[in-house]
Full PDB file with SEQRES, HELIX, SHEET, SSBOND, CRYST1, ORIGX, SCALE, CONECT and MASTER records, all heavy atoms in Angstrom:
SEQRES   1 A   36  GLY GLU SER GLU PHE ASP LYS VAL LYS ALA PHE ILE ALA          
SEQRES   2 A   36  SER ARG SER LYS GLU PRO ARG LEU LYS ASP GLN LEU HIS          
SEQRES   3 A   36  VAL ILE TRP TYR CYS ILE PRO MET ASP GLU                      
HELIX    1 AA1 GLU A    2  SER A   16  1                                  15    
HELIX    2 AA2 LEU A   21  ASP A   23  5                                   3    
CRYST1    1.000    1.000    1.000  90.00  90.00  90.00 P 1           1          
ORIGX1      1.000000  0.000000  0.000000        0.00000                         
ORIGX2      0.000000  1.000000  0.000000        0.00000                         
ORIGX3      0.000000  0.000000  1.000000        0.00000                         
SCALE1      1.000000  0.000000  0.000000        0.00000                         
SCALE2      0.000000  1.000000  0.000000        0.00000                         
SCALE3      0.000000  0.000000  1.000000        0.00000                         
ATOM      1  N   GLY A   1     -13.839 123.916 -61.416  1.00  0.00           N  
ATOM      2  CA  GLY A   1     -15.066 124.434 -62.004  1.00  0.00           C  
ATOM      3  C   GLY A   1     -15.007 125.940 -62.218  1.00  0.00           C  
ATOM      4  O   GLY A   1     -14.592 126.680 -61.332  1.00  0.00           O  
ATOM      5  N   GLU A   2     -15.436 126.377 -63.386  1.00  0.00           N  
ATOM      6  CA  GLU A   2     -15.359 127.793 -63.735  1.00  0.00           C  
ATOM      7  C   GLU A   2     -16.238 128.656 -62.836  1.00  0.00           C  
ATOM      8  O   GLU A   2     -15.854 129.744 -62.437  1.00  0.00           O  
ATOM      9  CB  GLU A   2     -15.775 127.984 -65.205  1.00  0.00           C  
ATOM     10  CG  GLU A   2     -14.762 127.459 -66.208  1.00  0.00           C  
ATOM     11  CD  GLU A   2     -13.458 128.238 -66.200  1.00  0.00           C  
ATOM     12  OE1 GLU A   2     -13.486 129.418 -65.789  1.00  0.00           O  
ATOM     13  OE2 GLU A   2     -12.432 127.681 -66.586  1.00  0.00           O  
ATOM     14  N   SER A   3     -17.428 128.180 -62.521  1.00  0.00           N  
ATOM     15  CA  SER A   3     -18.382 128.982 -61.759  1.00  0.00           C  
ATOM     16  C   SER A   3     -17.837 129.379 -60.392  1.00  0.00           C  
ATOM     17  O   SER A   3     -17.834 130.560 -60.029  1.00  0.00           O  
ATOM     18  CB  SER A   3     -19.699 128.205 -61.599  1.00  0.00           C  
ATOM     19  OG  SER A   3     -20.596 128.933 -60.774  1.00  0.00           O  
ATOM     20  N   GLU A   4     -17.383 128.411 -59.612  1.00  0.00           N  
ATOM     21  CA  GLU A   4     -16.872 128.708 -58.274  1.00  0.00           C  
ATOM     22  C   GLU A   4     -15.595 129.544 -58.341  1.00  0.00           C  
ATOM     23  O   GLU A   4     -15.402 130.466 -57.540  1.00  0.00           O  
ATOM     24  CB  GLU A   4     -16.616 127.416 -57.495  1.00  0.00           C  
ATOM     25  CG  GLU A   4     -17.874 126.712 -57.031  1.00  0.00           C  
ATOM     26  CD  GLU A   4     -18.753 127.610 -56.175  1.00  0.00           C  
ATOM     27  OE1 GLU A   4     -18.208 128.399 -55.392  1.00  0.00           O  
ATOM     28  OE2 GLU A   4     -19.973 127.532 -56.313  1.00  0.00           O  
ATOM     29  N   PHE A   5     -14.731 129.225 -59.291  1.00  0.00           N  
ATOM     30  CA  PHE A   5     -13.494 129.988 -59.428  1.00  0.00           C  
ATOM     31  C   PHE A   5     -13.792 131.441 -59.762  1.00  0.00           C  
ATOM     32  O   PHE A   5     -13.201 132.363 -59.185  1.00  0.00           O  
ATOM     33  CB  PHE A   5     -12.606 129.373 -60.506  1.00  0.00           C  
ATOM     34  CG  PHE A   5     -11.363 130.172 -60.777  1.00  0.00           C  
ATOM     35  CD1 PHE A   5     -10.296 130.151 -59.893  1.00  0.00           C  
ATOM     36  CD2 PHE A   5     -11.255 130.962 -61.910  1.00  0.00           C  
ATOM     37  CE1 PHE A   5      -9.156 130.906 -60.122  1.00  0.00           C  
ATOM     38  CE2 PHE A   5     -10.123 131.714 -62.163  1.00  0.00           C  
ATOM     39  CZ  PHE A   5      -9.068 131.679 -61.262  1.00  0.00           C  
ATOM     40  N   ASP A   6     -14.720 131.663 -60.678  1.00  0.00           N  
ATOM     41  CA  ASP A   6     -15.076 133.025 -61.076  1.00  0.00           C  
ATOM     42  C   ASP A   6     -15.664 133.806 -59.907  1.00  0.00           C  
ATOM     43  O   ASP A   6     -15.416 135.011 -59.755  1.00  0.00           O  
ATOM     44  CB  ASP A   6     -16.065 133.003 -62.242  1.00  0.00           C  
ATOM     45  CG  ASP A   6     -15.415 132.558 -63.546  1.00  0.00           C  
ATOM     46  OD1 ASP A   6     -14.168 132.566 -63.609  1.00  0.00           O  
ATOM     47  OD2 ASP A   6     -16.143 132.195 -64.489  1.00  0.00           O  
ATOM     48  N   LYS A   7     -16.456 133.131 -59.059  1.00  0.00           N  
ATOM     49  CA  LYS A   7     -17.036 133.798 -57.885  1.00  0.00           C  
ATOM     50  C   LYS A   7     -15.949 134.242 -56.911  1.00  0.00           C  
ATOM     51  O   LYS A   7     -15.987 135.355 -56.374  1.00  0.00           O  
ATOM     52  CB  LYS A   7     -18.009 132.855 -57.176  1.00  0.00           C  
ATOM     53  CG  LYS A   7     -19.317 132.629 -57.906  1.00  0.00           C  
ATOM     54  CD  LYS A   7     -20.186 131.628 -57.161  1.00  0.00           C  
ATOM     55  CE  LYS A   7     -21.473 131.327 -57.926  1.00  0.00           C  
ATOM     56  NZ  LYS A   7     -22.280 130.279 -57.239  1.00  0.00           N  
ATOM     57  N   VAL A   8     -14.985 133.372 -56.686  1.00  0.00           N  
ATOM     58  CA  VAL A   8     -13.886 133.705 -55.769  1.00  0.00           C  
ATOM     59  C   VAL A   8     -13.059 134.850 -56.335  1.00  0.00           C  
ATOM     60  O   VAL A   8     -12.729 135.815 -55.628  1.00  0.00           O  
ATOM     61  CB  VAL A   8     -12.995 132.472 -55.517  1.00  0.00           C  
ATOM     62  CG1 VAL A   8     -11.740 132.863 -54.746  1.00  0.00           C  
ATOM     63  CG2 VAL A   8     -13.762 131.409 -54.749  1.00  0.00           C  
ATOM     64  N   LYS A   9     -12.734 134.765 -57.606  1.00  0.00           N  
ATOM     65  CA  LYS A   9     -11.921 135.799 -58.253  1.00  0.00           C  
ATOM     66  C   LYS A   9     -12.635 137.150 -58.223  1.00  0.00           C  
ATOM     67  O   LYS A   9     -12.022 138.196 -57.936  1.00  0.00           O  
ATOM     68  CB  LYS A   9     -11.624 135.372 -59.693  1.00  0.00           C  
ATOM     69  CG  LYS A   9     -10.567 136.201 -60.384  1.00  0.00           C  
ATOM     70  CD  LYS A   9     -10.226 135.601 -61.750  1.00  0.00           C  
ATOM     71  CE  LYS A   9      -9.166 136.433 -62.448  1.00  0.00           C  
ATOM     72  NZ  LYS A   9      -8.831 135.850 -63.779  1.00  0.00           N  
ATOM     73  N   ALA A  10     -13.944 137.139 -58.503  1.00  0.00           N  
ATOM     74  CA  ALA A  10     -14.723 138.382 -58.498  1.00  0.00           C  
ATOM     75  C   ALA A  10     -14.831 138.958 -57.095  1.00  0.00           C  
ATOM     76  O   ALA A  10     -14.774 140.184 -56.903  1.00  0.00           O  
ATOM     77  CB  ALA A  10     -16.116 138.121 -59.070  1.00  0.00           C  
ATOM     78  N   PHE A  11     -14.976 138.073 -56.093  1.00  0.00           N  
ATOM     79  CA  PHE A  11     -15.074 138.527 -54.705  1.00  0.00           C  
ATOM     80  C   PHE A  11     -13.777 139.221 -54.278  1.00  0.00           C  
ATOM     81  O   PHE A  11     -13.800 140.295 -53.668  1.00  0.00           O  
ATOM     82  CB  PHE A  11     -15.369 137.337 -53.792  1.00  0.00           C  
ATOM     83  CG  PHE A  11     -15.396 137.671 -52.335  1.00  0.00           C  
ATOM     84  CD1 PHE A  11     -16.472 138.336 -51.771  1.00  0.00           C  
ATOM     85  CD2 PHE A  11     -14.339 137.313 -51.499  1.00  0.00           C  
ATOM     86  CE1 PHE A  11     -16.505 138.646 -50.417  1.00  0.00           C  
ATOM     87  CE2 PHE A  11     -14.359 137.614 -50.149  1.00  0.00           C  
ATOM     88  CZ  PHE A  11     -15.443 138.281 -49.607  1.00  0.00           C  
ATOM     89  N   ILE A  12     -12.651 138.617 -54.606  1.00  0.00           N  
ATOM     90  CA  ILE A  12     -11.352 139.201 -54.256  1.00  0.00           C  
ATOM     91  C   ILE A  12     -11.176 140.554 -54.947  1.00  0.00           C  
ATOM     92  O   ILE A  12     -10.738 141.537 -54.331  1.00  0.00           O  
ATOM     93  CB  ILE A  12     -10.207 138.243 -54.638  1.00  0.00           C  
ATOM     94  CG1 ILE A  12     -10.265 136.982 -53.766  1.00  0.00           C  
ATOM     95  CG2 ILE A  12      -8.851 138.925 -54.488  1.00  0.00           C  
ATOM     96  CD1 ILE A  12      -9.322 135.877 -54.212  1.00  0.00           C  
ATOM     97  N   ALA A  13     -11.542 140.619 -56.213  1.00  0.00           N  
ATOM     98  CA  ALA A  13     -11.399 141.864 -56.975  1.00  0.00           C  
ATOM     99  C   ALA A  13     -12.289 142.962 -56.417  1.00  0.00           C  
ATOM    100  O   ALA A  13     -11.861 144.113 -56.258  1.00  0.00           O  
ATOM    101  CB  ALA A  13     -11.724 141.608 -58.447  1.00  0.00           C  
ATOM    102  N   SER A  14     -13.533 142.616 -56.087  1.00  0.00           N  
ATOM    103  CA  SER A  14     -14.459 143.635 -55.589  1.00  0.00           C  
ATOM    104  C   SER A  14     -14.046 144.144 -54.214  1.00  0.00           C  
ATOM    105  O   SER A  14     -14.143 145.339 -53.932  1.00  0.00           O  
ATOM    106  CB  SER A  14     -15.888 143.073 -55.541  1.00  0.00           C  
ATOM    107  OG  SER A  14     -16.010 142.044 -54.580  1.00  0.00           O  
ATOM    108  N   ARG A  15     -13.580 143.245 -53.377  1.00  0.00           N  
ATOM    109  CA  ARG A  15     -13.135 143.662 -52.039  1.00  0.00           C  
ATOM    110  C   ARG A  15     -11.872 144.519 -52.122  1.00  0.00           C  
ATOM    111  O   ARG A  15     -11.654 145.406 -51.296  1.00  0.00           O  
ATOM    112  CB  ARG A  15     -12.879 142.433 -51.169  1.00  0.00           C  
ATOM    113  CG  ARG A  15     -14.141 141.732 -50.703  1.00  0.00           C  
ATOM    114  CD  ARG A  15     -14.843 142.514 -49.618  1.00  0.00           C  
ATOM    115  NE  ARG A  15     -16.140 141.934 -49.262  1.00  0.00           N  
ATOM    116  CZ  ARG A  15     -16.906 142.364 -48.274  1.00  0.00           C  
ATOM    117  NH1 ARG A  15     -16.505 143.404 -47.545  1.00  0.00           N  
ATOM    118  NH2 ARG A  15     -18.064 141.800 -48.015  1.00  0.00           N  
ATOM    119  N   SER A  16     -11.050 144.267 -53.118  1.00  0.00           N  
ATOM    120  CA  SER A  16      -9.828 145.059 -53.298  1.00  0.00           C  
ATOM    121  C   SER A  16     -10.141 146.505 -53.662  1.00  0.00           C  
ATOM    122  O   SER A  16      -9.352 147.416 -53.388  1.00  0.00           O  
ATOM    123  CB  SER A  16      -8.956 144.440 -54.400  1.00  0.00           C  
ATOM    124  OG  SER A  16      -8.559 143.143 -54.053  1.00  0.00           O  
ATOM    125  N   LYS A  17     -11.303 146.706 -54.290  1.00  0.00           N  
ATOM    126  CA  LYS A  17     -11.683 148.047 -54.743  1.00  0.00           C  
ATOM    127  C   LYS A  17     -12.483 148.825 -53.703  1.00  0.00           C  
ATOM    128  O   LYS A  17     -12.812 149.993 -53.928  1.00  0.00           O  
ATOM    129  CB  LYS A  17     -12.505 147.936 -56.030  1.00  0.00           C  
ATOM    130  CG  LYS A  17     -11.728 147.351 -57.204  1.00  0.00           C  
ATOM    131  CD  LYS A  17     -12.622 147.110 -58.404  1.00  0.00           C  
ATOM    132  CE  LYS A  17     -11.868 146.439 -59.543  1.00  0.00           C  
ATOM    133  NZ  LYS A  17     -12.760 146.093 -60.669  1.00  0.00           N  
ATOM    134  N   GLU A  18     -12.797 148.183 -52.581  1.00  0.00           N  
ATOM    135  CA  GLU A  18     -13.552 148.885 -51.540  1.00  0.00           C  
ATOM    136  C   GLU A  18     -12.749 150.077 -51.032  1.00  0.00           C  
ATOM    137  O   GLU A  18     -11.565 149.950 -50.708  1.00  0.00           O  
ATOM    138  CB  GLU A  18     -13.865 147.945 -50.373  1.00  0.00           C  
ATOM    139  CG  GLU A  18     -14.896 146.870 -50.682  1.00  0.00           C  
ATOM    140  CD  GLU A  18     -16.306 147.444 -50.746  1.00  0.00           C  
ATOM    141  OE1 GLU A  18     -16.487 148.624 -50.384  1.00  0.00           O  
ATOM    142  OE2 GLU A  18     -17.216 146.701 -51.161  1.00  0.00           O  
ATOM    143  N   PRO A  19     -13.357 151.257 -50.942  1.00  0.00           N  
ATOM    144  CA  PRO A  19     -12.609 152.448 -50.523  1.00  0.00           C  
ATOM    145  C   PRO A  19     -12.219 152.436 -49.042  1.00  0.00           C  
ATOM    146  O   PRO A  19     -11.192 153.007 -48.672  1.00  0.00           O  
ATOM    147  CB  PRO A  19     -13.574 153.601 -50.828  1.00  0.00           C  
ATOM    148  CG  PRO A  19     -14.937 152.970 -50.800  1.00  0.00           C  
ATOM    149  CD  PRO A  19     -14.747 151.583 -51.322  1.00  0.00           C  
ATOM    150  N   ARG A  20     -13.034 151.779 -48.227  1.00  0.00           N  
ATOM    151  CA  ARG A  20     -12.761 151.765 -46.790  1.00  0.00           C  
ATOM    152  C   ARG A  20     -12.009 150.492 -46.406  1.00  0.00           C  
ATOM    153  O   ARG A  20     -12.375 149.396 -46.809  1.00  0.00           O  
ATOM    154  CB  ARG A  20     -14.058 151.875 -45.986  1.00  0.00           C  
ATOM    155  CG  ARG A  20     -14.794 153.195 -46.196  1.00  0.00           C  
ATOM    156  CD  ARG A  20     -16.022 153.294 -45.311  1.00  0.00           C  
ATOM    157  NE  ARG A  20     -16.994 152.248 -45.600  1.00  0.00           N  
ATOM    158  CZ  ARG A  20     -18.145 152.111 -44.959  1.00  0.00           C  
ATOM    159  NH1 ARG A  20     -18.462 152.949 -43.979  1.00  0.00           N  
ATOM    160  NH2 ARG A  20     -18.979 151.144 -45.285  1.00  0.00           N  
ATOM    161  N   LEU A  21     -10.970 150.646 -45.586  1.00  0.00           N  
ATOM    162  CA  LEU A  21     -10.143 149.518 -45.170  1.00  0.00           C  
ATOM    163  C   LEU A  21     -10.970 148.451 -44.460  1.00  0.00           C  
ATOM    164  O   LEU A  21     -10.705 147.256 -44.594  1.00  0.00           O  
ATOM    165  CB  LEU A  21      -9.013 150.016 -44.254  1.00  0.00           C  
ATOM    166  CG  LEU A  21      -7.853 149.059 -43.977  1.00  0.00           C  
ATOM    167  CD1 LEU A  21      -7.190 148.613 -45.272  1.00  0.00           C  
ATOM    168  CD2 LEU A  21      -6.830 149.724 -43.057  1.00  0.00           C  
ATOM    169  N   LYS A  22     -11.995 148.861 -43.733  1.00  0.00           N  
ATOM    170  CA  LYS A  22     -12.824 147.932 -42.979  1.00  0.00           C  
ATOM    171  C   LYS A  22     -13.596 146.972 -43.875  1.00  0.00           C  
ATOM    172  O   LYS A  22     -13.963 145.868 -43.461  1.00  0.00           O  
ATOM    173  CB  LYS A  22     -13.816 148.705 -42.089  1.00  0.00           C  
ATOM    174  CG  LYS A  22     -14.867 149.491 -42.851  1.00  0.00           C  
ATOM    175  CD  LYS A  22     -15.758 150.322 -41.932  1.00  0.00           C  
ATOM    176  CE  LYS A  22     -16.675 149.474 -41.088  1.00  0.00           C  
ATOM    177  NZ  LYS A  22     -17.702 148.773 -41.912  1.00  0.00           N  
ATOM    178  N   ASP A  23     -13.852 147.379 -45.113  1.00  0.00           N  
ATOM    179  CA  ASP A  23     -14.618 146.543 -46.040  1.00  0.00           C  
ATOM    180  C   ASP A  23     -13.730 145.723 -46.968  1.00  0.00           C  
ATOM    181  O   ASP A  23     -14.220 144.887 -47.726  1.00  0.00           O  
ATOM    182  CB  ASP A  23     -15.555 147.413 -46.885  1.00  0.00           C  
ATOM    183  CG  ASP A  23     -16.614 148.101 -46.035  1.00  0.00           C  
ATOM    184  OD1 ASP A  23     -17.131 147.468 -45.104  1.00  0.00           O  
ATOM    185  OD2 ASP A  23     -16.905 149.288 -46.314  1.00  0.00           O  
ATOM    186  N   GLN A  24     -12.438 145.991 -46.919  1.00  0.00           N  
ATOM    187  CA  GLN A  24     -11.516 145.260 -47.780  1.00  0.00           C  
ATOM    188  C   GLN A  24     -11.215 143.879 -47.191  1.00  0.00           C  
ATOM    189  O   GLN A  24     -11.466 143.610 -46.016  1.00  0.00           O  
ATOM    190  CB  GLN A  24     -10.211 146.052 -47.931  1.00  0.00           C  
ATOM    191  CG  GLN A  24     -10.365 147.359 -48.679  1.00  0.00           C  
ATOM    192  CD  GLN A  24      -9.090 148.174 -48.676  1.00  0.00           C  
ATOM    193  OE1 GLN A  24      -8.009 147.682 -48.352  1.00  0.00           O  
ATOM    194  NE2 GLN A  24      -9.198 149.451 -49.047  1.00  0.00           N  
ATOM    195  N   LEU A  25     -10.688 143.008 -48.043  1.00  0.00           N  
ATOM    196  CA  LEU A  25     -10.208 141.698 -47.606  1.00  0.00           C  
ATOM    197  C   LEU A  25      -8.769 141.882 -47.140  1.00  0.00           C  
ATOM    198  O   LEU A  25      -7.964 142.507 -47.824  1.00  0.00           O  
ATOM    199  CB  LEU A  25     -10.282 140.729 -48.791  1.00  0.00           C  
ATOM    200  CG  LEU A  25     -10.169 139.236 -48.528  1.00  0.00           C  
ATOM    201  CD1 LEU A  25     -11.242 138.762 -47.558  1.00  0.00           C  
ATOM    202  CD2 LEU A  25     -10.279 138.489 -49.860  1.00  0.00           C  
ATOM    203  N   HIS A  26      -8.435 141.328 -45.970  1.00  0.00           N  
ATOM    204  CA  HIS A  26      -7.125 141.607 -45.387  1.00  0.00           C  
ATOM    205  C   HIS A  26      -6.113 140.491 -45.587  1.00  0.00           C  
ATOM    206  O   HIS A  26      -4.910 140.749 -45.662  1.00  0.00           O  
ATOM    207  CB  HIS A  26      -7.292 141.919 -43.894  1.00  0.00           C  
ATOM    208  CG  HIS A  26      -8.205 143.068 -43.644  1.00  0.00           C  
ATOM    209  ND1 HIS A  26      -9.105 143.111 -42.592  1.00  0.00           N  
ATOM    210  CD2 HIS A  26      -8.383 144.233 -44.328  1.00  0.00           C  
ATOM    211  CE1 HIS A  26      -9.788 144.244 -42.638  1.00  0.00           C  
ATOM    212  NE2 HIS A  26      -9.370 144.934 -43.682  1.00  0.00           N  
ATOM    213  N   VAL A  27      -6.578 139.247 -45.676  1.00  0.00           N  
ATOM    214  CA  VAL A  27      -5.671 138.127 -45.906  1.00  0.00           C  
ATOM    215  C   VAL A  27      -6.486 136.946 -46.429  1.00  0.00           C  
ATOM    216  O   VAL A  27      -7.704 136.866 -46.223  1.00  0.00           O  
ATOM    217  CB  VAL A  27      -4.909 137.742 -44.609  1.00  0.00           C  
ATOM    218  CG1 VAL A  27      -5.814 137.016 -43.629  1.00  0.00           C  
ATOM    219  CG2 VAL A  27      -3.677 136.897 -44.903  1.00  0.00           C  
ATOM    220  N   ILE A  28      -5.808 136.030 -47.137  1.00  0.00           N  
ATOM    221  CA  ILE A  28      -6.442 134.810 -47.649  1.00  0.00           C  
ATOM    222  C   ILE A  28      -5.701 133.605 -47.100  1.00  0.00           C  
ATOM    223  O   ILE A  28      -4.468 133.518 -47.222  1.00  0.00           O  
ATOM    224  CB  ILE A  28      -6.420 134.775 -49.189  1.00  0.00           C  
ATOM    225  CG1 ILE A  28      -7.198 135.967 -49.768  1.00  0.00           C  
ATOM    226  CG2 ILE A  28      -7.012 133.454 -49.711  1.00  0.00           C  
ATOM    227  CD1 ILE A  28      -7.036 136.138 -51.271  1.00  0.00           C  
ATOM    228  N   TRP A  29      -6.434 132.677 -46.499  1.00  0.00           N  
ATOM    229  CA  TRP A  29      -5.886 131.396 -46.055  1.00  0.00           C  
ATOM    230  C   TRP A  29      -6.373 130.328 -47.021  1.00  0.00           C  
ATOM    231  O   TRP A  29      -7.586 130.101 -47.146  1.00  0.00           O  
ATOM    232  CB  TRP A  29      -6.332 131.060 -44.639  1.00  0.00           C  
ATOM    233  CG  TRP A  29      -5.687 131.898 -43.573  1.00  0.00           C  
ATOM    234  CD1 TRP A  29      -4.571 132.669 -43.686  1.00  0.00           C  
ATOM    235  CD2 TRP A  29      -6.102 132.026 -42.205  1.00  0.00           C  
ATOM    236  NE1 TRP A  29      -4.281 133.286 -42.485  1.00  0.00           N  
ATOM    237  CE2 TRP A  29      -5.200 132.906 -41.568  1.00  0.00           C  
ATOM    238  CE3 TRP A  29      -7.169 131.485 -41.471  1.00  0.00           C  
ATOM    239  CZ2 TRP A  29      -5.334 133.253 -40.212  1.00  0.00           C  
ATOM    240  CZ3 TRP A  29      -7.300 131.832 -40.132  1.00  0.00           C  
ATOM    241  CH2 TRP A  29      -6.381 132.703 -39.505  1.00  0.00           C  
ATOM    242  N   TYR A  30      -5.454 129.686 -47.721  1.00  0.00           N  
ATOM    243  CA  TYR A  30      -5.816 128.633 -48.678  1.00  0.00           C  
ATOM    244  C   TYR A  30      -5.471 127.280 -48.053  1.00  0.00           C  
ATOM    245  O   TYR A  30      -4.300 126.963 -47.850  1.00  0.00           O  
ATOM    246  CB  TYR A  30      -5.051 128.820 -49.997  1.00  0.00           C  
ATOM    247  CG  TYR A  30      -5.716 128.104 -51.160  1.00  0.00           C  
ATOM    248  CD1 TYR A  30      -6.184 128.793 -52.262  1.00  0.00           C  
ATOM    249  CD2 TYR A  30      -5.886 126.716 -51.152  1.00  0.00           C  
ATOM    250  CE1 TYR A  30      -6.807 128.147 -53.313  1.00  0.00           C  
ATOM    251  CE2 TYR A  30      -6.508 126.061 -52.190  1.00  0.00           C  
ATOM    252  CZ  TYR A  30      -6.967 126.777 -53.268  1.00  0.00           C  
ATOM    253  OH  TYR A  30      -7.583 126.126 -54.297  1.00  0.00           O  
ATOM    254  N   CYS A  31      -6.493 126.478 -47.754  1.00  0.00           N  
ATOM    255  CA  CYS A  31      -6.310 125.209 -47.035  1.00  0.00           C  
ATOM    256  C   CYS A  31      -6.208 124.025 -47.990  1.00  0.00           C  
ATOM    257  O   CYS A  31      -7.079 123.816 -48.838  1.00  0.00           O  
ATOM    258  CB  CYS A  31      -7.473 124.982 -46.072  1.00  0.00           C  
ATOM    259  SG  CYS A  31      -7.651 126.278 -44.821  1.00  0.00           S  
ATOM    260  N   ILE A  32      -5.143 123.246 -47.815  1.00  0.00           N  
ATOM    261  CA  ILE A  32      -4.936 122.026 -48.604  1.00  0.00           C  
ATOM    262  C   ILE A  32      -4.687 120.874 -47.634  1.00  0.00           C  
ATOM    263  O   ILE A  32      -3.686 120.889 -46.907  1.00  0.00           O  
ATOM    264  CB  ILE A  32      -3.749 122.178 -49.570  1.00  0.00           C  
ATOM    265  CG1 ILE A  32      -3.977 123.354 -50.519  1.00  0.00           C  
ATOM    266  CG2 ILE A  32      -3.511 120.884 -50.347  1.00  0.00           C  
ATOM    267  CD1 ILE A  32      -2.814 123.634 -51.448  1.00  0.00           C  
ATOM    268  N   PRO A  33      -5.572 119.884 -47.573  1.00  0.00           N  
ATOM    269  CA  PRO A  33      -5.410 118.788 -46.610  1.00  0.00           C  
ATOM    270  C   PRO A  33      -4.362 117.776 -47.063  1.00  0.00           C  
ATOM    271  O   PRO A  33      -4.241 117.466 -48.245  1.00  0.00           O  
ATOM    272  CB  PRO A  33      -6.807 118.158 -46.572  1.00  0.00           C  
ATOM    273  CG  PRO A  33      -7.364 118.421 -47.934  1.00  0.00           C  
ATOM    274  CD  PRO A  33      -6.812 119.763 -48.360  1.00  0.00           C  
ATOM    275  N   MET A  34      -3.616 117.271 -46.094  1.00  0.00           N  
ATOM    276  CA  MET A  34      -2.576 116.294 -46.382  1.00  0.00           C  
ATOM    277  C   MET A  34      -3.015 114.859 -46.108  1.00  0.00           C  
ATOM    278  O   MET A  34      -2.204 113.940 -46.203  1.00  0.00           O  
ATOM    279  CB  MET A  34      -1.322 116.616 -45.551  1.00  0.00           C  
ATOM    280  CG  MET A  34      -0.581 117.851 -46.013  1.00  0.00           C  
ATOM    281  SD  MET A  34       0.274 117.611 -47.610  1.00  0.00           S  
ATOM    282  CE  MET A  34      -0.870 118.396 -48.738  1.00  0.00           C  
ATOM    283  N   ASP A  35      -4.287 114.653 -45.799  1.00  0.00           N  
ATOM    284  CA  ASP A  35      -4.755 113.287 -45.587  1.00  0.00           C  
ATOM    285  C   ASP A  35      -5.391 112.711 -46.846  1.00  0.00           C  
ATOM    286  O   ASP A  35      -5.920 111.612 -46.837  1.00  0.00           O  
ATOM    287  CB  ASP A  35      -5.758 113.222 -44.430  1.00  0.00           C  
ATOM    288  CG  ASP A  35      -7.050 113.965 -44.725  1.00  0.00           C  
ATOM    289  OD1 ASP A  35      -7.043 114.844 -45.611  1.00  0.00           O  
ATOM    290  OD2 ASP A  35      -8.065 113.670 -44.073  1.00  0.00           O  
ATOM    291  N   GLU A  36      -5.332 113.452 -47.940  1.00  0.00           N  
ATOM    292  CA  GLU A  36      -5.903 112.981 -49.189  1.00  0.00           C  
ATOM    293  C   GLU A  36      -5.027 111.865 -49.769  1.00  0.00           C  
ATOM    294  O   GLU A  36      -3.806 111.852 -49.601  1.00  0.00           O  
ATOM    295  CB  GLU A  36      -5.986 114.127 -50.208  1.00  0.00           C  
ATOM    296  CG  GLU A  36      -6.874 115.280 -49.787  1.00  0.00           C  
ATOM    297  CD  GLU A  36      -8.355 114.935 -49.940  1.00  0.00           C  
ATOM    298  OE1 GLU A  36      -8.678 114.070 -50.769  1.00  0.00           O  
ATOM    299  OE2 GLU A  36      -9.166 115.541 -49.218  1.00  0.00           O  
TER     300      GLU A  36                                                      
MASTER        0    0    0    2    0    0    0    6  299    1    0    3          
END                                                                             
């Protein structure tokens, strides 16, 4: 879905531009279940 993807992409971009390290995003964990 475009809406959720755009929100995630915008969140990552905005956090990347934060001037203070404390407000930045430090790592992303992408979870994919293997019981599907």
